[in-house]
Protein backbone atom coordinates (compact mmCIF):
# COMPACT_ATOMS: atom_id res chain seq x y z
CA MET A 1 1.92 -69.20 12.10
CA THR A 2 1.44 -70.37 8.80
CA ASP A 3 0.96 -73.88 7.44
CA ILE A 4 2.64 -75.53 4.71
CA ILE A 5 2.77 -78.90 2.88
CA GLN A 6 6.27 -80.21 1.90
CA VAL A 7 6.63 -82.39 -1.07
CA GLY A 8 9.58 -84.52 -1.77
CA LEU A 9 11.53 -86.15 1.16
CA GLY A 10 14.58 -87.57 -0.57
CA PHE A 11 17.99 -86.52 0.33
CA TRP A 12 17.37 -82.76 -0.06
CA GLY A 13 13.87 -82.64 1.08
CA TYR A 14 14.91 -84.75 4.23
CA ASP A 15 17.58 -82.00 4.69
CA TRP A 16 14.73 -79.01 4.36
CA ALA A 17 12.72 -80.87 6.90
CA THR A 18 15.11 -81.52 9.65
CA GLY A 19 17.55 -78.66 8.98
CA VAL A 20 15.74 -75.59 7.52
CA LEU A 21 12.09 -75.79 8.47
CA PRO A 22 12.84 -75.95 12.15
CA GLU A 23 14.75 -72.67 12.06
CA VAL A 24 11.62 -70.74 10.60
CA GLU A 25 9.18 -70.02 13.74
CA THR A 26 6.60 -68.60 11.45
CA VAL A 27 5.95 -71.84 9.70
CA ARG A 28 4.26 -75.11 10.69
CA VAL A 29 4.67 -78.26 8.26
CA ALA A 30 0.97 -79.48 8.53
CA ALA A 31 1.74 -82.42 6.05
CA TYR A 32 4.53 -84.40 4.40
CA VAL A 33 4.31 -86.18 0.94
CA ASP A 34 6.31 -88.53 -0.41
CA PRO A 35 5.34 -91.60 -2.68
CA SER A 36 8.16 -93.72 -0.89
CA GLU A 37 6.88 -95.31 2.63
CA GLU A 38 10.37 -95.58 3.71
CA ALA A 39 11.02 -91.68 3.19
CA ARG A 40 7.89 -90.85 5.01
CA GLN A 41 8.74 -93.39 7.75
CA ARG A 42 12.16 -91.58 8.31
CA ILE A 43 10.57 -88.26 8.64
CA ALA A 44 8.13 -89.68 11.11
CA ASP A 45 10.90 -91.23 13.34
CA LYS A 46 13.22 -88.15 13.09
CA LEU A 47 10.32 -85.30 13.69
CA ASN A 48 7.98 -87.70 15.73
CA VAL A 49 5.31 -86.72 13.19
CA PRO A 50 2.02 -88.49 13.53
CA ALA A 51 0.82 -91.00 10.50
CA ASP A 52 -1.98 -88.65 9.65
CA ARG A 53 0.38 -86.08 8.73
CA CYS A 54 2.33 -88.16 6.22
CA PHE A 55 0.73 -88.79 2.57
CA ALA A 56 1.79 -90.60 -0.47
CA SER A 57 0.51 -88.20 -2.78
CA LEU A 58 -0.04 -84.60 -3.09
CA ASN A 59 -3.70 -84.80 -3.89
CA ASP A 60 -4.49 -86.51 -0.71
CA ALA A 61 -2.37 -84.02 1.28
CA LEU A 62 -4.35 -81.19 -0.66
CA ALA A 63 -7.85 -82.80 0.21
CA ALA A 64 -6.87 -83.18 3.88
CA VAL A 65 -5.11 -79.91 4.76
CA ASN A 66 -5.98 -76.41 4.12
CA ALA A 67 -2.40 -75.07 4.18
CA PRO A 68 -1.88 -72.00 1.98
CA ILE A 69 1.73 -73.10 1.11
CA VAL A 70 3.29 -75.83 -0.91
CA LEU A 71 7.07 -76.32 -0.55
CA ALA A 72 8.42 -78.52 -3.48
CA THR A 73 11.84 -80.16 -2.72
CA LEU A 74 12.12 -82.75 -5.08
CA ARG A 75 14.33 -83.73 -8.16
CA THR A 76 13.93 -81.04 -10.99
CA ASP A 77 11.94 -82.96 -13.55
CA ALA A 78 9.28 -83.49 -10.58
CA HIS A 79 8.90 -79.49 -9.96
CA TYR A 80 6.60 -78.78 -12.96
CA PRO A 81 3.98 -81.35 -12.14
CA VAL A 82 3.87 -80.66 -8.38
CA ALA A 83 4.06 -76.79 -8.85
CA ARG A 84 1.24 -76.85 -11.29
CA ARG A 85 -0.93 -79.28 -9.17
CA ALA A 86 -0.54 -77.07 -6.14
CA LEU A 87 -1.32 -73.90 -8.06
CA GLU A 88 -4.42 -75.52 -9.56
CA ALA A 89 -5.53 -76.11 -6.08
CA GLY A 90 -5.08 -72.61 -5.12
CA ARG A 91 -2.09 -72.84 -3.12
CA HIS A 92 0.89 -70.58 -3.33
CA VAL A 93 4.22 -72.55 -4.36
CA ILE A 94 7.74 -72.44 -3.27
CA VAL A 95 9.92 -74.61 -5.54
CA GLU A 96 13.78 -75.46 -5.45
CA LYS A 97 15.82 -74.15 -8.38
CA PRO A 98 15.89 -74.73 -11.11
CA PHE A 99 12.10 -74.35 -11.04
CA ALA A 100 11.18 -76.06 -13.98
CA SER A 101 13.10 -78.41 -16.59
CA SER A 102 12.67 -75.89 -19.41
CA VAL A 103 11.91 -72.18 -20.35
CA GLY A 104 8.48 -73.42 -21.76
CA GLU A 105 7.46 -75.34 -18.53
CA ALA A 106 8.65 -72.16 -16.52
CA LYS A 107 6.68 -69.83 -18.43
CA GLU A 108 3.35 -71.98 -18.25
CA LEU A 109 3.85 -72.09 -14.41
CA VAL A 110 4.32 -68.20 -14.19
CA ALA A 111 1.08 -67.74 -16.46
CA LEU A 112 -0.69 -69.98 -14.36
CA ALA A 113 0.33 -68.35 -10.99
CA ALA A 114 -0.67 -64.91 -12.52
CA ALA A 115 -4.02 -66.44 -13.72
CA GLU A 116 -4.75 -68.06 -10.24
CA LYS A 117 -3.63 -64.92 -8.35
CA ARG A 118 -1.14 -67.16 -6.38
CA MET A 119 2.59 -66.67 -5.54
CA LEU A 120 5.28 -68.83 -7.09
CA MET A 121 8.76 -68.56 -5.45
CA VAL A 122 12.03 -69.93 -6.29
CA SER A 123 14.42 -70.91 -3.64
CA GLN A 124 17.46 -68.64 -4.79
CA ASN A 125 18.82 -69.02 -1.01
CA TYR A 126 22.07 -67.25 -2.06
CA ARG A 127 20.12 -63.95 -2.12
CA HIS A 128 19.55 -64.26 1.55
CA TYR A 129 22.88 -63.48 2.94
CA PRO A 130 24.45 -60.10 4.17
CA ALA A 131 27.25 -59.78 1.60
CA PRO A 132 25.32 -59.69 -1.44
CA ILE A 133 22.65 -57.75 -0.06
CA ARG A 134 24.87 -54.92 0.84
CA VAL A 135 26.62 -55.01 -2.39
CA ALA A 136 23.39 -54.86 -4.23
CA GLU A 137 22.33 -51.69 -2.30
CA MET A 138 25.85 -50.04 -3.07
CA VAL A 139 25.71 -50.85 -6.80
CA ALA A 140 21.83 -49.07 -6.62
CA GLN A 141 23.34 -46.23 -4.74
CA GLN A 142 26.16 -45.99 -7.45
CA ALA A 143 28.43 -45.88 -4.18
CA LEU A 144 31.63 -45.87 -7.16
CA GLY A 145 29.77 -44.83 -9.88
CA HIS A 146 28.84 -47.06 -12.92
CA VAL A 147 29.77 -50.71 -13.04
CA SER A 148 31.68 -51.61 -16.24
CA LEU A 149 33.01 -55.03 -15.58
CA VAL A 150 32.28 -57.82 -13.22
CA ASP A 151 34.67 -60.63 -12.75
CA ILE A 152 33.75 -63.78 -10.86
CA VAL A 153 35.55 -67.05 -9.77
CA PHE A 154 34.21 -70.26 -8.12
CA ARG A 155 36.51 -73.03 -7.20
CA GLN A 156 35.41 -76.24 -5.44
CA HIS A 157 36.95 -79.74 -5.61
CA ALA A 158 33.77 -81.94 -5.65
CA PRO A 159 35.27 -85.48 -4.88
CA SER A 160 36.91 -84.00 -1.45
CA ILE A 161 33.43 -82.39 -0.24
CA GLY A 162 30.79 -85.31 -0.54
CA TYR A 163 29.35 -84.31 -4.04
CA ARG A 164 27.09 -87.00 -5.23
CA TYR A 165 25.46 -86.05 -8.44
CA TRP A 166 28.26 -87.62 -10.90
CA ASP A 167 25.77 -87.88 -13.89
CA PHE A 168 24.06 -84.78 -13.45
CA PRO A 169 23.56 -83.37 -17.16
CA ASP A 170 25.41 -79.79 -16.68
CA PRO A 171 26.67 -79.88 -13.15
CA LEU A 172 28.28 -76.56 -13.28
CA LEU A 173 25.94 -74.68 -15.18
CA ALA A 174 22.55 -76.07 -13.86
CA ASP A 175 23.53 -77.09 -10.48
CA MET A 176 25.91 -74.45 -9.21
CA SER A 177 26.14 -71.43 -11.76
CA ILE A 178 22.40 -70.86 -11.62
CA HIS A 179 23.09 -69.67 -7.95
CA HIS A 180 25.61 -67.02 -9.46
CA PHE A 181 23.66 -66.12 -12.56
CA ASP A 182 20.89 -65.24 -10.41
CA LEU A 183 23.06 -63.02 -8.10
CA MET A 184 24.51 -61.60 -11.01
CA ARG A 185 20.91 -60.21 -11.94
CA MET A 186 20.06 -59.05 -8.45
CA ILE A 187 23.27 -57.24 -7.74
CA LEU A 188 23.21 -55.44 -11.09
CA ALA A 189 19.41 -54.84 -11.13
CA ASP A 190 19.79 -55.75 -14.63
CA GLU A 191 19.05 -58.21 -17.31
CA PRO A 192 21.17 -60.36 -19.50
CA LYS A 193 21.30 -59.68 -23.41
CA ALA A 194 23.60 -62.53 -24.54
CA VAL A 195 26.00 -65.12 -23.16
CA SER A 196 28.93 -67.21 -24.76
CA CYS A 197 29.89 -70.20 -22.90
CA ARG A 198 32.64 -73.00 -23.03
CA THR A 199 32.73 -75.99 -20.45
CA TRP A 200 34.75 -78.95 -20.43
CA ASN A 201 35.74 -82.22 -18.42
CA LEU A 202 39.23 -83.22 -16.98
CA PRO A 203 41.12 -86.38 -17.35
CA GLY A 204 40.27 -88.72 -14.28
CA SER A 205 37.22 -86.52 -13.48
CA PRO A 206 34.42 -88.77 -11.84
CA PHE A 207 31.75 -86.30 -13.54
CA GLN A 208 29.88 -87.71 -16.68
CA ASN A 209 29.46 -84.20 -17.91
CA HIS A 210 31.43 -80.97 -17.87
CA PRO A 211 32.32 -79.44 -14.26
CA VAL A 212 34.55 -76.65 -15.42
CA GLY A 213 33.69 -73.66 -17.55
CA VAL A 214 34.04 -70.00 -18.51
CA VAL A 215 31.03 -67.58 -19.40
CA THR A 216 30.87 -64.18 -20.57
CA VAL A 217 27.74 -62.53 -20.20
CA GLU A 218 26.51 -59.42 -21.78
CA PHE A 219 23.72 -57.07 -19.72
CA ALA A 220 21.29 -54.81 -21.32
CA GLY A 221 22.85 -51.84 -19.32
CA GLY A 222 26.28 -52.53 -20.99
CA THR A 223 27.95 -54.17 -18.09
CA ILE A 224 30.03 -57.22 -19.17
CA VAL A 225 30.55 -60.36 -16.51
CA SER A 226 33.21 -62.54 -16.95
CA TYR A 227 32.64 -65.70 -14.85
CA ARG A 228 34.98 -68.93 -14.34
CA GLY A 229 33.72 -71.97 -12.42
CA SER A 230 35.28 -75.33 -11.63
CA TRP A 231 33.90 -78.52 -9.44
CA MET A 232 37.41 -79.90 -9.97
CA SER A 233 39.70 -77.06 -8.87
CA GLY A 234 42.98 -78.06 -7.37
CA GLY A 235 43.35 -74.63 -5.97
CA ALA A 236 42.06 -72.96 -2.75
CA ALA A 237 38.43 -73.36 -2.54
CA THR A 238 36.13 -70.32 -2.67
CA ALA A 239 33.08 -69.65 -0.45
CA TRP A 240 29.97 -71.05 -2.45
CA ALA A 241 28.94 -67.78 -3.73
CA GLY A 242 32.58 -67.26 -5.38
CA GLU A 243 34.55 -64.36 -5.31
CA TRP A 244 33.28 -61.27 -7.05
CA THR A 245 35.39 -58.22 -8.48
CA ILE A 246 33.15 -55.31 -9.45
CA ASP A 247 35.02 -52.63 -11.50
CA CYS A 248 33.19 -49.26 -11.16
CA ASP A 249 34.20 -45.66 -12.46
CA GLU A 250 35.72 -44.86 -9.11
CA GLY A 251 37.21 -47.86 -7.71
CA GLU A 252 36.09 -51.53 -7.15
CA ILE A 253 33.75 -53.66 -4.71
CA TRP A 254 35.14 -57.08 -3.84
CA PHE A 255 33.07 -59.43 -1.99
CA THR A 256 32.63 -63.21 -1.22
CA SER A 257 29.63 -65.06 0.48
CA ARG A 258 28.32 -68.39 1.80
CA GLY A 259 30.53 -70.26 3.76
CA HIS A 260 29.99 -74.13 4.43
CA GLY A 261 27.98 -75.72 7.13
CA ALA A 262 28.36 -74.12 10.51
CA GLU A 263 30.34 -71.25 9.16
CA ARG A 264 27.94 -70.23 6.46
CA LEU A 265 27.52 -66.58 7.68
CA GLU A 266 31.40 -66.22 8.65
CA ARG A 267 32.69 -66.03 5.04
CA ASP A 268 30.54 -62.94 4.16
CA ARG A 269 32.91 -60.25 3.57
CA VAL A 270 32.78 -56.77 1.45
CA VAL A 271 35.49 -54.70 0.83
CA LEU A 272 35.33 -51.36 -1.06
CA ARG A 273 38.23 -49.95 -2.79
CA ARG A 274 38.23 -46.30 -4.14
CA ARG A 275 40.81 -45.37 -6.56
CA GLY A 276 44.16 -44.49 -5.19
CA SER A 277 42.57 -44.95 -1.40
CA ALA A 278 43.03 -47.96 1.19
CA ALA A 279 40.83 -50.72 1.11
CA GLU A 280 37.39 -50.04 3.47
CA GLU A 281 35.96 -53.23 5.11
CA GLN A 282 32.29 -52.74 5.02
CA ILE A 283 30.13 -53.71 8.34
CA LEU A 284 27.37 -55.77 7.26
CA ASP A 285 23.68 -55.99 8.45
CA HIS A 286 22.67 -58.86 10.43
CA VAL A 287 20.22 -61.17 8.78
CA ARG A 288 17.67 -62.80 10.80
CA TYR A 289 16.75 -65.91 8.15
CA PHE A 290 19.73 -66.72 5.92
CA ASP A 291 20.13 -69.23 3.16
CA ARG A 292 17.02 -71.67 2.39
CA ALA A 293 15.41 -70.39 5.93
CA GLY A 294 15.28 -66.92 4.20
CA THR A 295 13.74 -67.84 1.18
CA MET A 296 10.94 -69.78 3.39
CA ALA A 297 10.59 -66.68 5.56
CA ALA A 298 10.20 -64.56 2.73
CA MET A 299 7.47 -66.73 1.15
CA GLU A 300 5.65 -66.79 4.55
CA GLN A 301 5.98 -63.01 4.95
CA ALA A 302 4.45 -62.41 1.33
CA VAL A 303 1.57 -64.67 1.66
CA ARG A 304 0.77 -63.38 5.17
CA THR A 305 0.91 -59.74 4.20
CA GLY A 306 0.22 -59.81 0.65
CA VAL A 307 3.44 -57.84 -0.08
CA PRO A 308 6.69 -59.47 -1.39
CA PRO A 309 9.75 -58.36 0.60
CA ALA A 310 12.60 -56.80 -1.23
CA ARG A 311 14.77 -59.33 -3.35
CA PHE A 312 11.89 -61.59 -3.71
CA SER A 313 12.69 -64.41 -6.35
CA SER A 314 9.26 -64.79 -7.82
CA GLY A 315 8.58 -67.13 -10.66
CA ALA A 316 8.45 -64.24 -13.13
CA ASP A 317 11.64 -62.79 -11.93
CA ASN A 318 13.40 -66.02 -11.87
CA LEU A 319 12.34 -66.88 -15.51
CA MET A 320 15.21 -64.69 -16.45
CA SER A 321 17.98 -66.47 -14.33
CA LEU A 322 16.67 -69.70 -15.57
CA ALA A 323 17.06 -68.38 -19.27
CA LEU A 324 20.57 -67.20 -18.60
CA MET A 325 21.24 -70.74 -17.57
CA GLN A 326 19.79 -72.34 -20.59
CA ALA A 327 21.28 -69.76 -22.97
CA SER A 328 24.78 -70.93 -21.39
CA ILE A 329 23.93 -74.61 -22.08
CA VAL A 330 22.96 -73.90 -25.72
CA SER A 331 26.01 -71.63 -26.15
CA THR A 332 28.42 -74.80 -25.09
CA GLN A 333 26.58 -77.00 -27.18
CA ARG A 334 27.40 -74.45 -29.91
CA GLY A 335 31.00 -74.51 -29.43
CA GLY A 336 30.84 -71.15 -27.39
CA ASP A 337 28.83 -68.98 -30.00
CA TRP A 338 26.90 -65.99 -28.35
CA VAL A 339 23.37 -67.09 -27.73
CA SER A 340 20.82 -64.23 -27.08
CA ILE A 341 18.30 -64.59 -24.02
CA GLU A 342 15.57 -63.25 -26.43
CA GLU A 343 16.06 -66.48 -28.39
CA ILE A 344 15.91 -68.68 -25.37
CA LEU A 345 12.68 -66.75 -24.08
CA SER A 346 10.88 -67.29 -27.53
CA VAL A 347 10.90 -71.14 -27.25
């Protein structure tokens, strides 16, 4: 069993501590960190954690506990200082997405992890579901030939599902689409070249910033991805990973993934349609650890064995997902102009 230090016990951190980490039998939380006494007490009461395992600062926890992994589950603007301090202390780091507030900060963390010979992983939890894993394998095998066009749609009605981040700066692109951007890269095994994006708000929307958008992404290998997302959709809600149609030389692959709550796995489906033939429902492999438990288990395995597993979302890899997200934001600020990923990475 591998010890970890969890930093950040707010709304999302509490969910990690009580709902995610207990699912991963290979890890033990040796220390919990949060400056809020109330947050620490809530964890202590819920999980029956002794007071000497709860700390007000990361430095105190690092001095007291020799855990090899630090898990950062706090607000985005706190990711960089916490991840940096943990890496400087010689610990491996797993951090929530997006793993930094800017590409410049992200590049610093990637360079520091390499210099310290430590692993930096970003929790891209949608990678750990059976449908996108199967589709990535099919695309790699060219099951239906070359992929020319991908169509993705994401629909949810935030006011109806308990969404709470109404003042989030980029609620679609940074809070939701980052998942879809990362899956694009994983499934296509290719990198984005340029992006065009427009976002907007709706009359009567509780969002202070734009919850609806359309994105076009050009990948280096020539594939074009057309993406449409809405937090204010009046239509039928999609699963959280959206609904994908992948147009290939010899047919198409359709899939959806990540249901809600207890039905997270039940929504995963993959359908292969060869040109001129009936649709073929694919049998999906069992995934032992999925969603955020999948990211934690992957990190524990990588640290224990020294070998990152397949589809490991390292900081170096995730830098391109972050750059795609940032390029989309810049594009919408420029009225939908094309923005190159190279421009964003050069900052």
